[in-house]
Amino acid sequence: MIGAPQARLGWAQAAALSLLLHGAAAAALVWQPDWQRADPIPDAPAQLQLDLSALAATQPDAPTLTPVTTPELAPDPASETLTPESPAPEAPANEATELLTPLLTDPPLALVDTLPEAGSAGAAQPAPDPEPAESGGPADPRIAELFDRIRGRLSESCLLALPALLGEDQIQLGVLAADDRQIAGLMRELTRGLETEITESAVLLDRRQCPALDFARRDPRYPVLGLGLQLEAQDIASGGNLRGRISGGAGLYTTLLLIDDNGVVHDLRRFQIASAGVTRFDVPLARSGAARDTHQLVLAIASPARPETVGTHAGELAEDFFDQLARDIAADARIGIGSVYVR
């Protein structure tokens, strides 16, 4: 048949090609090569050794601190008064007489307070006392009699009597109370039968200030209080300054408080300056509203440290403030009290 040999040849080629393809596929299934190439084995890490003994021993330069002399700054009224500054040059002898006579704490009151320490007054002191002329004199017997009467008579709350020696021969009796009838009655009882003429001075307070008076009477030295509080004036115009000094608190922390005639307690620490064992103050005062008959109380306290109550309760009413302060400080803390009228 024409074309038969060629057809058989084509089938033969197709069969051979099929066998070749199937064989290649079977070989691929049987042989599965690992295409991941193994990493070469790393060489052992080299070890570095430093021979410290071969290094030169170098000592780093130590920093040198050079003290810098700080110029002495002027006293800051806001500074604390825990430690008095070094004594300043002694003031002129007539300095105290230039001040207006304070109502309650004339310098001789500080003198009476220093009498128990008269035995040690003869020892050499590093600096003269701010009032050396009065530190060694005997107590006036006329004032001593008033002291006895006050201690034996005064027991009512919100009533305070403080005698003072004005000049050399005049006695002043200041009485503070929230009731003017109490003031007049106490004046009569304390001065009855005395041969010496006594100048009377009444200070009317608001009843909300009474806790401050009761606190001051806790001083075991009353009516001779432990601090001398001297005011330049006890009657100032609104907008003026309350100036004065506190003595008798050297080596102690001095706290200065103002109890206004609304009964609010104000901390005056930022207006204080301590120098030579004396604390001075200069406080601007301004009245809000119409003038009243009542006075503002000024209270000074000397204690080993600043009372915590002052920092936490200043600005509160006197009733709450002094109730807490009485538990905060010792009973033998030194106290001074005065008053000022702001018109």
C-alpha atoms as a PDB file:
ATOM      1  CA  MET A   1       0.000   0.000   0.000  1.00  0.00           C
ATOM      2  CA  ILE A   2       1.310   3.305  -0.991  1.00  0.00           C
ATOM      3  CA  GLY A   3       2.493   5.373   2.138  1.00  0.00           C
ATOM      4  CA  ALA A   4       2.335   2.474   4.649  1.00  0.00           C
ATOM      5  CA  PRO A   5       6.086   2.359   5.474  1.00  0.00           C
ATOM      6  CA  GLN A   6       6.121   6.076   6.284  1.00  0.00           C
ATOM      7  CA  ALA A   7       3.192   5.733   8.660  1.00  0.00           C
ATOM      8  CA  ARG A   8       4.860   2.941  10.565  1.00  0.00           C
ATOM      9  CA  LEU A   9       8.008   5.035  10.818  1.00  0.00           C
ATOM     10  CA  GLY A  10       6.048   7.937  12.318  1.00  0.00           C
ATOM     11  CA  TRP A  11       4.408   5.713  14.880  1.00  0.00           C
ATOM     12  CA  ALA A  12       7.777   4.314  15.828  1.00  0.00           C
ATOM     13  CA  GLN A  13       9.183   7.787  16.369  1.00  0.00           C
ATOM     14  CA  ALA A  14       6.193   8.801  18.419  1.00  0.00           C
ATOM     15  CA  ALA A  15       6.526   5.714  20.595  1.00  0.00           C
ATOM     16  CA  ALA A  16      10.228   6.371  21.137  1.00  0.00           C
ATOM     17  CA  LEU A  17       9.575   9.992  22.066  1.00  0.00           C
ATOM     18  CA  SER A  18       6.835   8.920  24.490  1.00  0.00           C
ATOM     19  CA  LEU A  19       9.150   6.433  26.176  1.00  0.00           C
ATOM     20  CA  LEU A  20      11.832   9.120  26.468  1.00  0.00           C
ATOM     21  CA  LEU A  21       9.478  11.595  28.097  1.00  0.00           C
ATOM     22  CA  HIS A  22       8.012   9.044  30.515  1.00  0.00           C
ATOM     23  CA  GLY A  23      11.500   7.870  31.463  1.00  0.00           C
ATOM     24  CA  ALA A  24      12.627  11.413  32.179  1.00  0.00           C
ATOM     25  CA  ALA A  25       9.546  11.988  34.330  1.00  0.00           C
ATOM     26  CA  ALA A  26      10.132   8.781  36.272  1.00  0.00           C
ATOM     27  CA  ALA A  27      13.777   9.712  36.840  1.00  0.00           C
ATOM     28  CA  ALA A  28      12.747  13.121  38.167  1.00  0.00           C
ATOM     29  CA  LEU A  29      10.348  11.520  40.649  1.00  0.00           C
ATOM     30  CA  VAL A  30      12.918   9.041  41.906  1.00  0.00           C
ATOM     31  CA  TRP A  31      15.832  11.526  42.201  1.00  0.00           C
ATOM     32  CA  GLN A  32      15.116  14.483  44.570  1.00  0.00           C
ATOM     33  CA  PRO A  33      18.209  16.678  44.802  1.00  0.00           C
ATOM     34  CA  ASP A  34      18.915  18.797  47.954  1.00  0.00           C
ATOM     35  CA  TRP A  35      19.095  22.317  46.646  1.00  0.00           C
ATOM     36  CA  GLN A  36      20.182  23.815  50.081  1.00  0.00           C
ATOM     37  CA  ARG A  37      23.849  24.342  50.215  1.00  0.00           C
ATOM     38  CA  ALA A  38      25.526  23.649  53.539  1.00  0.00           C
ATOM     39  CA  ASP A  39      27.341  26.578  55.151  1.00  0.00           C
ATOM     40  CA  PRO A  40      31.039  26.151  55.602  1.00  0.00           C
ATOM     41  CA  ILE A  41      32.175  25.240  59.120  1.00  0.00           C
ATOM     42  CA  PRO A  42      33.258  28.499  60.804  1.00  0.00           C
ATOM     43  CA  ASP A  43      36.734  28.830  62.056  1.00  0.00           C
ATOM     44  CA  ALA A  44      37.275  28.798  65.823  1.00  0.00           C
ATOM     45  CA  PRO A  45      36.922  32.379  67.290  1.00  0.00           C
ATOM     46  CA  ALA A  46      40.139  34.152  67.901  1.00  0.00           C
ATOM     47  CA  GLN A  47      40.784  35.048  71.560  1.00  0.00           C
ATOM     48  CA  LEU A  48      42.303  38.432  72.349  1.00  0.00           C
ATOM     49  CA  GLN A  49      44.241  38.812  75.538  1.00  0.00           C
ATOM     50  CA  LEU A  50      45.592  42.058  76.950  1.00  0.00           C
ATOM     51  CA  ASP A  51      48.566  41.986  79.196  1.00  0.00           C
ATOM     52  CA  LEU A  52      47.523  44.668  81.638  1.00  0.00           C
ATOM     53  CA  SER A  53      50.890  44.582  83.318  1.00  0.00           C
ATOM     54  CA  ALA A  54      52.455  45.803  80.122  1.00  0.00           C
ATOM     55  CA  LEU A  55      50.288  48.911  79.981  1.00  0.00           C
ATOM     56  CA  ALA A  56      51.483  52.101  81.538  1.00  0.00           C
ATOM     57  CA  ALA A  57      49.506  52.927  84.678  1.00  0.00           C
ATOM     58  CA  THR A  58      47.987  56.334  84.009  1.00  0.00           C
ATOM     59  CA  GLN A  59      46.215  58.150  86.822  1.00  0.00           C
ATOM     60  CA  PRO A  60      43.368  60.420  85.608  1.00  0.00           C
ATOM     61  CA  ASP A  61      43.643  63.940  86.826  1.00  0.00           C
ATOM     62  CA  ALA A  62      41.282  64.479  89.760  1.00  0.00           C
ATOM     63  CA  PRO A  63      39.023  67.510  89.356  1.00  0.00           C
ATOM     64  CA  THR A  64      40.003  70.371  91.594  1.00  0.00           C
ATOM     65  CA  LEU A  65      37.208  72.418  93.134  1.00  0.00           C
ATOM     66  CA  THR A  66      38.144  76.003  93.733  1.00  0.00           C
ATOM     67  CA  PRO A  67      36.041  77.714  96.387  1.00  0.00           C
ATOM     68  CA  VAL A  68      34.358  80.844  95.164  1.00  0.00           C
ATOM     69  CA  THR A  69      33.789  83.617  97.620  1.00  0.00           C
ATOM     70  CA  THR A  70      30.154  84.607  97.360  1.00  0.00           C
ATOM     71  CA  PRO A  71      29.497  88.262  98.044  1.00  0.00           C
ATOM     72  CA  GLU A  72      27.406  88.786 101.138  1.00  0.00           C
ATOM     73  CA  LEU A  73      23.808  89.585 100.245  1.00  0.00           C
ATOM     74  CA  ALA A  74      21.561  91.996 102.039  1.00  0.00           C
ATOM     75  CA  PRO A  75      19.143  90.307 104.438  1.00  0.00           C
ATOM     76  CA  ASP A  76      15.929  89.126 102.799  1.00  0.00           C
ATOM     77  CA  PRO A  77      12.740  89.925 104.712  1.00  0.00           C
ATOM     78  CA  ALA A  78      11.423  86.495 103.673  1.00  0.00           C
ATOM     79  CA  SER A  79      14.362  84.653 105.202  1.00  0.00           C
ATOM     80  CA  GLU A  80      13.874  82.539 108.314  1.00  0.00           C
ATOM     81  CA  THR A  81      15.209  83.684 111.652  1.00  0.00           C
ATOM     82  CA  LEU A  82      16.436  80.397 113.117  1.00  0.00           C
ATOM     83  CA  THR A  83      19.950  81.682 113.611  1.00  0.00           C
ATOM     84  CA  PRO A  84      20.738  85.319 114.401  1.00  0.00           C
ATOM     85  CA  GLU A  85      23.329  86.993 112.234  1.00  0.00           C
ATOM     86  CA  SER A  86      26.681  88.154 113.513  1.00  0.00           C
ATOM     87  CA  PRO A  87      26.427  91.192 115.782  1.00  0.00           C
ATOM     88  CA  ALA A  88      26.192  94.518 114.035  1.00  0.00           C
ATOM     89  CA  PRO A  89      27.793  97.685 115.394  1.00  0.00           C
ATOM     90  CA  GLU A  90      26.134  98.741 118.608  1.00  0.00           C
ATOM     91  CA  ALA A  91      23.255 101.143 118.097  1.00  0.00           C
ATOM     92  CA  PRO A  92      23.376 104.569 119.722  1.00  0.00           C
ATOM     93  CA  ALA A  93      22.405 104.574 123.355  1.00  0.00           C
ATOM     94  CA  ASN A  94      19.315 106.705 122.750  1.00  0.00           C
ATOM     95  CA  GLU A  95      17.841 104.436 120.079  1.00  0.00           C
ATOM     96  CA  ALA A  96      15.131 103.041 122.368  1.00  0.00           C
ATOM     97  CA  THR A  97      14.058 106.511 123.501  1.00  0.00           C
ATOM     98  CA  GLU A  98      13.481 107.590 119.895  1.00  0.00           C
ATOM     99  CA  LEU A  99      10.747 104.985 119.498  1.00  0.00           C
ATOM    100  CA  LEU A 100       7.202 105.667 120.541  1.00  0.00           C
ATOM    101  CA  THR A 101       6.459 103.967 123.824  1.00  0.00           C
ATOM    102  CA  PRO A 102       4.711 100.634 123.205  1.00  0.00           C
ATOM    103  CA  LEU A 103       1.598  99.877 125.193  1.00  0.00           C
ATOM    104  CA  LEU A 104       2.456  96.461 126.599  1.00  0.00           C
ATOM    105  CA  THR A 105       6.084  95.602 126.099  1.00  0.00           C
ATOM    106  CA  ASP A 106       8.233  98.548 127.061  1.00  0.00           C
ATOM    107  CA  PRO A 107      11.932  97.561 127.205  1.00  0.00           C
ATOM    108  CA  PRO A 108      11.865  97.300 131.038  1.00  0.00           C
ATOM    109  CA  LEU A 109       9.530  94.342 130.676  1.00  0.00           C
ATOM    110  CA  ALA A 110      12.306  92.497 128.924  1.00  0.00           C
ATOM    111  CA  LEU A 111      14.500  93.527 131.855  1.00  0.00           C
ATOM    112  CA  VAL A 112      12.198  91.831 134.353  1.00  0.00           C
ATOM    113  CA  ASP A 113      12.245  88.685 132.263  1.00  0.00           C
ATOM    114  CA  THR A 114      16.043  88.569 132.358  1.00  0.00           C
ATOM    115  CA  LEU A 115      16.260  88.838 136.145  1.00  0.00           C
ATOM    116  CA  PRO A 116      16.400  85.019 136.724  1.00  0.00           C
ATOM    117  CA  GLU A 117      19.492  84.940 134.516  1.00  0.00           C
ATOM    118  CA  ALA A 118      21.255  87.736 136.395  1.00  0.00           C
ATOM    119  CA  GLY A 119      23.781  85.262 137.795  1.00  0.00           C
ATOM    120  CA  SER A 120      25.093  84.542 134.354  1.00  0.00           C
ATOM    121  CA  ALA A 121      24.909  88.140 133.176  1.00  0.00           C
ATOM    122  CA  GLY A 122      28.354  88.889 134.583  1.00  0.00           C
ATOM    123  CA  ALA A 123      30.040  86.339 132.350  1.00  0.00           C
ATOM    124  CA  ALA A 124      31.819  87.591 129.265  1.00  0.00           C
ATOM    125  CA  GLN A 125      29.489  87.742 126.280  1.00  0.00           C
ATOM    126  CA  PRO A 126      30.530  87.707 122.616  1.00  0.00           C
ATOM    127  CA  ALA A 127      28.311  90.715 121.914  1.00  0.00           C
ATOM    128  CA  PRO A 128      26.633  93.313 124.116  1.00  0.00           C
ATOM    129  CA  ASP A 129      22.959  92.860 124.876  1.00  0.00           C
ATOM    130  CA  PRO A 130      20.754  95.201 122.824  1.00  0.00           C
ATOM    131  CA  GLU A 131      19.703  96.889 126.080  1.00  0.00           C
ATOM    132  CA  PRO A 132      22.702  96.520 128.418  1.00  0.00           C
ATOM    133  CA  ALA A 133      21.825  99.446 130.651  1.00  0.00           C
ATOM    134  CA  GLU A 134      18.647  97.757 131.834  1.00  0.00           C
ATOM    135  CA  SER A 135      19.759  94.155 132.052  1.00  0.00           C
ATOM    136  CA  GLY A 136      21.110  94.232 135.577  1.00  0.00           C
ATOM    137  CA  GLY A 137      18.830  96.578 137.521  1.00  0.00           C
ATOM    138  CA  PRO A 138      16.490  95.365 140.259  1.00  0.00           C
ATOM    139  CA  ALA A 139      12.789  94.893 139.563  1.00  0.00           C
ATOM    140  CA  ASP A 140      10.645  97.884 140.467  1.00  0.00           C
ATOM    141  CA  PRO A 141       8.675  96.995 143.654  1.00  0.00           C
ATOM    142  CA  ARG A 142       5.643  98.892 142.375  1.00  0.00           C
ATOM    143  CA  ILE A 143       5.476  96.676 139.285  1.00  0.00           C
ATOM    144  CA  ALA A 144       6.096  93.601 141.435  1.00  0.00           C
ATOM    145  CA  GLU A 145       2.980  94.456 143.455  1.00  0.00           C
ATOM    146  CA  LEU A 146       0.949  94.735 140.274  1.00  0.00           C
ATOM    147  CA  PHE A 147       2.284  91.357 139.156  1.00  0.00           C
ATOM    148  CA  ASP A 148       1.046  89.760 142.368  1.00  0.00           C
ATOM    149  CA  ARG A 149      -2.396  91.283 141.969  1.00  0.00           C
ATOM    150  CA  ILE A 150      -2.671  90.146 138.367  1.00  0.00           C
ATOM    151  CA  ARG A 151      -1.619  86.589 139.151  1.00  0.00           C
ATOM    152  CA  GLY A 152      -4.102  86.358 142.002  1.00  0.00           C
ATOM    153  CA  ARG A 153      -7.028  88.005 140.250  1.00  0.00           C
ATOM    154  CA  LEU A 154      -7.029  87.348 136.525  1.00  0.00           C
ATOM    155  CA  SER A 155      -8.877  84.129 135.722  1.00  0.00           C
ATOM    156  CA  GLU A 156     -11.541  85.086 133.175  1.00  0.00           C
ATOM    157  CA  SER A 157     -11.170  84.110 129.549  1.00  0.00           C
ATOM    158  CA  CYS A 158     -10.314  86.772 126.967  1.00  0.00           C
ATOM    159  CA  LEU A 159      -8.774  89.158 129.480  1.00  0.00           C
ATOM    160  CA  LEU A 160      -5.121  90.143 129.594  1.00  0.00           C
ATOM    161  CA  ALA A 161      -3.345  92.665 131.833  1.00  0.00           C
ATOM    162  CA  LEU A 162       0.258  93.714 131.300  1.00  0.00           C
ATOM    163  CA  PRO A 163       2.079  96.396 133.320  1.00  0.00           C
ATOM    164  CA  ALA A 164       4.984  98.346 131.869  1.00  0.00           C
ATOM    165  CA  LEU A 165       7.475 100.832 133.261  1.00  0.00           C
ATOM    166  CA  LEU A 166       7.540 104.026 131.205  1.00  0.00           C
ATOM    167  CA  GLY A 167      10.711 105.958 131.708  1.00  0.00           C
ATOM    168  CA  GLU A 168      11.966 105.870 135.302  1.00  0.00           C
ATOM    169  CA  ASP A 169       8.965 106.696 137.455  1.00  0.00           C
ATOM    170  CA  GLN A 170       5.776 106.081 135.502  1.00  0.00           C
ATOM    171  CA  ILE A 171       3.820 102.825 135.386  1.00  0.00           C
ATOM    172  CA  GLN A 172       1.416 101.942 132.632  1.00  0.00           C
ATOM    173  CA  LEU A 173      -1.184  99.206 132.901  1.00  0.00           C
ATOM    174  CA  GLY A 174      -2.550  97.853 129.653  1.00  0.00           C
ATOM    175  CA  VAL A 175      -5.680  95.722 129.688  1.00  0.00           C
ATOM    176  CA  LEU A 176      -6.915  93.846 126.612  1.00  0.00           C
ATOM    177  CA  ALA A 177     -10.418  92.429 126.414  1.00  0.00           C
ATOM    178  CA  ALA A 178     -13.395  92.063 124.096  1.00  0.00           C
ATOM    179  CA  ASP A 179     -15.733  93.781 126.593  1.00  0.00           C
ATOM    180  CA  ASP A 180     -15.035  97.355 127.663  1.00  0.00           C
ATOM    181  CA  ARG A 181     -16.908  96.784 130.945  1.00  0.00           C
ATOM    182  CA  GLN A 182     -14.448  94.011 131.803  1.00  0.00           C
ATOM    183  CA  ILE A 183     -11.592  96.390 131.109  1.00  0.00           C
ATOM    184  CA  ALA A 184     -12.939  99.076 133.446  1.00  0.00           C
ATOM    185  CA  GLY A 185     -13.691  96.582 136.227  1.00  0.00           C
ATOM    186  CA  LEU A 186     -10.256  94.990 136.083  1.00  0.00           C
ATOM    187  CA  MET A 187      -8.559  98.388 136.079  1.00  0.00           C
ATOM    188  CA  ARG A 188     -10.336  99.325 139.316  1.00  0.00           C
ATOM    189  CA  GLU A 189      -9.503  96.058 141.051  1.00  0.00           C
ATOM    190  CA  LEU A 190      -5.836  96.093 140.101  1.00  0.00           C
ATOM    191  CA  THR A 191      -5.141  99.721 140.983  1.00  0.00           C
ATOM    192  CA  ARG A 192      -7.278 100.078 144.132  1.00  0.00           C
ATOM    193  CA  GLY A 193      -5.209 101.186 147.112  1.00  0.00           C
ATOM    194  CA  LEU A 194      -1.944 101.689 145.202  1.00  0.00           C
ATOM    195  CA  GLU A 195      -0.057 104.830 146.165  1.00  0.00           C
ATOM    196  CA  THR A 196       1.701 105.044 142.826  1.00  0.00           C
ATOM    197  CA  GLU A 197      -0.115 106.779 139.998  1.00  0.00           C
ATOM    198  CA  ILE A 198      -0.763 104.384 137.143  1.00  0.00           C
ATOM    199  CA  THR A 199      -1.506 105.296 133.549  1.00  0.00           C
ATOM    200  CA  GLU A 200      -4.321 103.125 132.262  1.00  0.00           C
ATOM    201  CA  SER A 201      -4.569 102.005 128.664  1.00  0.00           C
ATOM    202  CA  ALA A 202      -7.505  99.962 127.399  1.00  0.00           C
ATOM    203  CA  VAL A 203      -7.369  97.865 124.226  1.00  0.00           C
ATOM    204  CA  LEU A 204     -10.711  96.716 122.882  1.00  0.00           C
ATOM    205  CA  LEU A 205     -10.661  93.539 120.799  1.00  0.00           C
ATOM    206  CA  ASP A 206     -13.102  91.573 118.724  1.00  0.00           C
ATOM    207  CA  ARG A 207     -14.300  88.415 120.454  1.00  0.00           C
ATOM    208  CA  ARG A 208     -12.899  86.364 117.574  1.00  0.00           C
ATOM    209  CA  GLN A 209      -9.404  87.431 118.705  1.00  0.00           C
ATOM    210  CA  CYS A 210      -9.868  86.002 122.213  1.00  0.00           C
ATOM    211  CA  PRO A 211      -8.082  82.659 121.542  1.00  0.00           C
ATOM    212  CA  ALA A 212      -4.860  84.628 120.994  1.00  0.00           C
ATOM    213  CA  LEU A 213      -5.148  86.208 124.461  1.00  0.00           C
ATOM    214  CA  ASP A 214      -5.795  82.850 126.100  1.00  0.00           C
ATOM    215  CA  PHE A 215      -2.770  81.440 124.263  1.00  0.00           C
ATOM    216  CA  ALA A 216      -0.529  84.264 125.520  1.00  0.00           C
ATOM    217  CA  ARG A 217      -1.609  83.624 129.115  1.00  0.00           C
ATOM    218  CA  ARG A 218      -0.297  80.064 128.911  1.00  0.00           C
ATOM    219  CA  ASP A 219       3.230  81.518 129.223  1.00  0.00           C
ATOM    220  CA  PRO A 220       4.332  80.489 132.758  1.00  0.00           C
ATOM    221  CA  ARG A 221       6.060  83.872 133.133  1.00  0.00           C
ATOM    222  CA  TYR A 222       2.820  85.811 132.674  1.00  0.00           C
ATOM    223  CA  PRO A 223       2.291  88.700 133.298  1.00  0.00           C
ATOM    224  CA  VAL A 224       5.996  89.131 132.515  1.00  0.00           C
ATOM    225  CA  LEU A 225       6.051  87.639 129.034  1.00  0.00           C
ATOM    226  CA  GLY A 226       9.216  86.057 127.715  1.00  0.00           C
ATOM    227  CA  LEU A 227       9.699  88.241 124.625  1.00  0.00           C
ATOM    228  CA  GLY A 228      10.001  91.998 124.389  1.00  0.00           C
ATOM    229  CA  LEU A 229       7.756  93.218 121.557  1.00  0.00           C
ATOM    230  CA  GLN A 230       8.279  96.917 120.890  1.00  0.00           C
ATOM    231  CA  LEU A 231       6.173  98.798 118.322  1.00  0.00           C
ATOM    232  CA  GLU A 232       7.199 102.155 116.885  1.00  0.00           C
ATOM    233  CA  ALA A 233       3.568 103.280 116.907  1.00  0.00           C
ATOM    234  CA  GLN A 234       0.323 101.804 118.126  1.00  0.00           C
ATOM    235  CA  ASP A 235      -1.937 103.951 115.990  1.00  0.00           C
ATOM    236  CA  ILE A 236      -1.303 104.051 112.247  1.00  0.00           C
ATOM    237  CA  ALA A 237      -3.267 105.182 109.229  1.00  0.00           C
ATOM    238  CA  SER A 238      -4.532 102.647 106.727  1.00  0.00           C
ATOM    239  CA  GLY A 239      -1.820 102.174 104.113  1.00  0.00           C
ATOM    240  CA  GLY A 240       0.944 102.863 106.625  1.00  0.00           C
ATOM    241  CA  ASN A 241       3.561 100.458 107.955  1.00  0.00           C
ATOM    242  CA  LEU A 242       3.693  98.611 111.247  1.00  0.00           C
ATOM    243  CA  ARG A 243       7.317  98.704 112.403  1.00  0.00           C
ATOM    244  CA  GLY A 244       8.940  97.330 115.494  1.00  0.00           C
ATOM    245  CA  ARG A 245      11.411  94.909 117.024  1.00  0.00           C
ATOM    246  CA  ILE A 246      11.427  91.667 118.986  1.00  0.00           C
ATOM    247  CA  SER A 247      14.094  91.002 121.625  1.00  0.00           C
ATOM    248  CA  GLY A 248      14.764  88.137 123.989  1.00  0.00           C
ATOM    249  CA  GLY A 249      14.654  85.350 121.388  1.00  0.00           C
ATOM    250  CA  ALA A 250      18.321  85.001 120.426  1.00  0.00           C
ATOM    251  CA  GLY A 251      19.132  81.469 119.271  1.00  0.00           C
ATOM    252  CA  LEU A 252      15.462  80.599 118.794  1.00  0.00           C
ATOM    253  CA  TYR A 253      13.139  80.685 115.814  1.00  0.00           C
ATOM    254  CA  THR A 254      10.993  83.813 115.980  1.00  0.00           C
ATOM    255  CA  THR A 255       7.449  83.655 114.625  1.00  0.00           C
ATOM    256  CA  LEU A 256       5.482  86.869 114.129  1.00  0.00           C
ATOM    257  CA  LEU A 257       1.692  86.752 113.748  1.00  0.00           C
ATOM    258  CA  LEU A 258      -1.010  89.349 113.196  1.00  0.00           C
ATOM    259  CA  ILE A 259      -4.538  88.539 114.358  1.00  0.00           C
ATOM    260  CA  ASP A 260      -6.882  91.016 112.694  1.00  0.00           C
ATOM    261  CA  ASP A 261     -10.193  92.169 114.122  1.00  0.00           C
ATOM    262  CA  ASN A 262     -12.010  89.581 112.031  1.00  0.00           C
ATOM    263  CA  GLY A 263     -10.149  86.846 113.911  1.00  0.00           C
ATOM    264  CA  VAL A 264      -7.961  85.785 110.955  1.00  0.00           C
ATOM    265  CA  VAL A 265      -4.329  84.830 111.714  1.00  0.00           C
ATOM    266  CA  HIS A 266      -1.636  86.156 109.344  1.00  0.00           C
ATOM    267  CA  ASP A 267       1.958  84.887 109.169  1.00  0.00           C
ATOM    268  CA  LEU A 268       4.375  87.853 108.912  1.00  0.00           C
ATOM    269  CA  ARG A 269       7.555  85.842 108.354  1.00  0.00           C
ATOM    270  CA  ARG A 270       8.421  87.520 105.053  1.00  0.00           C
ATOM    271  CA  PHE A 271       8.499  90.937 106.737  1.00  0.00           C
ATOM    272  CA  GLN A 272      11.086  89.926 109.380  1.00  0.00           C
ATOM    273  CA  ILE A 273      14.816  90.647 109.420  1.00  0.00           C
ATOM    274  CA  ALA A 274      17.057  89.114 112.118  1.00  0.00           C
ATOM    275  CA  SER A 275      20.236  90.911 113.128  1.00  0.00           C
ATOM    276  CA  ALA A 276      22.399  90.850 116.269  1.00  0.00           C
ATOM    277  CA  GLY A 277      19.892  88.853 118.297  1.00  0.00           C
ATOM    278  CA  VAL A 278      17.030  91.240 117.501  1.00  0.00           C
ATOM    279  CA  THR A 279      14.270  90.670 114.956  1.00  0.00           C
ATOM    280  CA  ARG A 280      12.936  93.758 113.218  1.00  0.00           C
ATOM    281  CA  PHE A 281       9.815  93.944 111.106  1.00  0.00           C
ATOM    282  CA  ASP A 282       8.192  96.374 108.684  1.00  0.00           C
ATOM    283  CA  VAL A 283       4.663  95.373 107.669  1.00  0.00           C
ATOM    284  CA  PRO A 284       2.382  97.374 105.349  1.00  0.00           C
ATOM    285  CA  LEU A 285      -1.195  97.460 106.671  1.00  0.00           C
ATOM    286  CA  ALA A 286      -4.371  98.624 104.976  1.00  0.00           C
ATOM    287  CA  ARG A 287      -7.903  98.470 106.325  1.00  0.00           C
ATOM    288  CA  SER A 288     -10.669  97.159 104.108  1.00  0.00           C
ATOM    289  CA  GLY A 289     -13.982  98.809 104.897  1.00  0.00           C
ATOM    290  CA  ALA A 290     -14.974 101.352 107.511  1.00  0.00           C
ATOM    291  CA  ALA A 291     -12.886 101.956 110.630  1.00  0.00           C
ATOM    292  CA  ARG A 292     -13.808 100.073 113.795  1.00  0.00           C
ATOM    293  CA  ASP A 293     -13.118 100.531 117.497  1.00  0.00           C
ATOM    294  CA  THR A 294     -11.242  97.243 117.756  1.00  0.00           C
ATOM    295  CA  HIS A 295      -7.462  96.792 117.541  1.00  0.00           C
ATOM    296  CA  GLN A 296      -5.240  94.362 115.668  1.00  0.00           C
ATOM    297  CA  LEU A 297      -3.199  91.940 117.796  1.00  0.00           C
ATOM    298  CA  VAL A 298       0.504  91.316 117.196  1.00  0.00           C
ATOM    299  CA  LEU A 299       1.901  88.104 118.680  1.00  0.00           C
ATOM    300  CA  ALA A 300       5.538  86.972 118.728  1.00  0.00           C
ATOM    301  CA  ILE A 301       6.645  83.423 119.600  1.00  0.00           C
ATOM    302  CA  ALA A 302      10.207  82.158 120.110  1.00  0.00           C
ATOM    303  CA  SER A 303      10.667  78.387 119.899  1.00  0.00           C
ATOM    304  CA  PRO A 304      13.469  75.945 118.979  1.00  0.00           C
ATOM    305  CA  ALA A 305      11.966  75.411 115.495  1.00  0.00           C
ATOM    306  CA  ARG A 306       9.292  76.926 113.296  1.00  0.00           C
ATOM    307  CA  PRO A 307       5.904  75.624 114.464  1.00  0.00           C
ATOM    308  CA  GLU A 308       4.349  73.408 111.818  1.00  0.00           C
ATOM    309  CA  THR A 309       0.937  74.907 112.552  1.00  0.00           C
ATOM    310  CA  VAL A 310       2.036  78.296 111.233  1.00  0.00           C
ATOM    311  CA  GLY A 311       2.770  76.910 107.791  1.00  0.00           C
ATOM    312  CA  THR A 312      -0.335  74.740 107.569  1.00  0.00           C
ATOM    313  CA  HIS A 313      -3.008  76.810 109.336  1.00  0.00           C
ATOM    314  CA  ALA A 314      -2.090  80.468 108.717  1.00  0.00           C
ATOM    315  CA  GLY A 315      -5.069  82.248 107.220  1.00  0.00           C
ATOM    316  CA  GLU A 316      -7.557  80.416 109.420  1.00  0.00           C
ATOM    317  CA  LEU A 317      -9.601  81.794 112.302  1.00  0.00           C
ATOM    318  CA  ALA A 318      -7.863  82.205 115.650  1.00  0.00           C
ATOM    319  CA  GLU A 319     -10.068  79.630 117.363  1.00  0.00           C
ATOM    320  CA  ASP A 320      -8.867  76.788 115.129  1.00  0.00           C
ATOM    321  CA  PHE A 321      -5.331  78.121 114.717  1.00  0.00           C
ATOM    322  CA  PHE A 322      -4.415  78.502 118.395  1.00  0.00           C
ATOM    323  CA  ASP A 323      -6.098  75.268 119.379  1.00  0.00           C
ATOM    324  CA  GLN A 324      -3.689  73.491 117.038  1.00  0.00           C
ATOM    325  CA  LEU A 325      -0.696  75.697 117.921  1.00  0.00           C
ATOM    326  CA  ALA A 326      -1.082  74.932 121.637  1.00  0.00           C
ATOM    327  CA  ARG A 327      -0.471  71.256 120.822  1.00  0.00           C
ATOM    328  CA  ASP A 328       2.354  72.035 118.417  1.00  0.00           C
ATOM    329  CA  ILE A 329       4.770  73.935 120.675  1.00  0.00           C
ATOM    330  CA  ALA A 330       6.020  73.440 124.209  1.00  0.00           C
ATOM    331  CA  ALA A 331       4.410  75.293 127.091  1.00  0.00           C
ATOM    332  CA  ASP A 332       7.664  77.133 127.850  1.00  0.00           C
ATOM    333  CA  ALA A 333       7.873  78.826 124.443  1.00  0.00           C
ATOM    334  CA  ARG A 334       8.577  82.534 124.822  1.00  0.00           C
ATOM    335  CA  ILE A 335       5.711  84.848 123.925  1.00  0.00           C
ATOM    336  CA  GLY A 336       5.332  88.580 123.377  1.00  0.00           C
ATOM    337  CA  ILE A 337       2.128  90.445 122.586  1.00  0.00           C
ATOM    338  CA  GLY A 338       1.150  93.920 121.456  1.00  0.00           C
ATOM    339  CA  SER A 339      -1.633  95.753 119.676  1.00  0.00           C
ATOM    340  CA  VAL A 340      -2.032  98.350 116.952  1.00  0.00           C
ATOM    341  CA  TYR A 341      -5.007 100.429 115.888  1.00  0.00           C
ATOM    342  CA  VAL A 342      -5.442 100.960 112.127  1.00  0.00           C
ATOM    343  CA  ARG A 343      -7.620 103.961 111.413  1.00  0.00           C
END
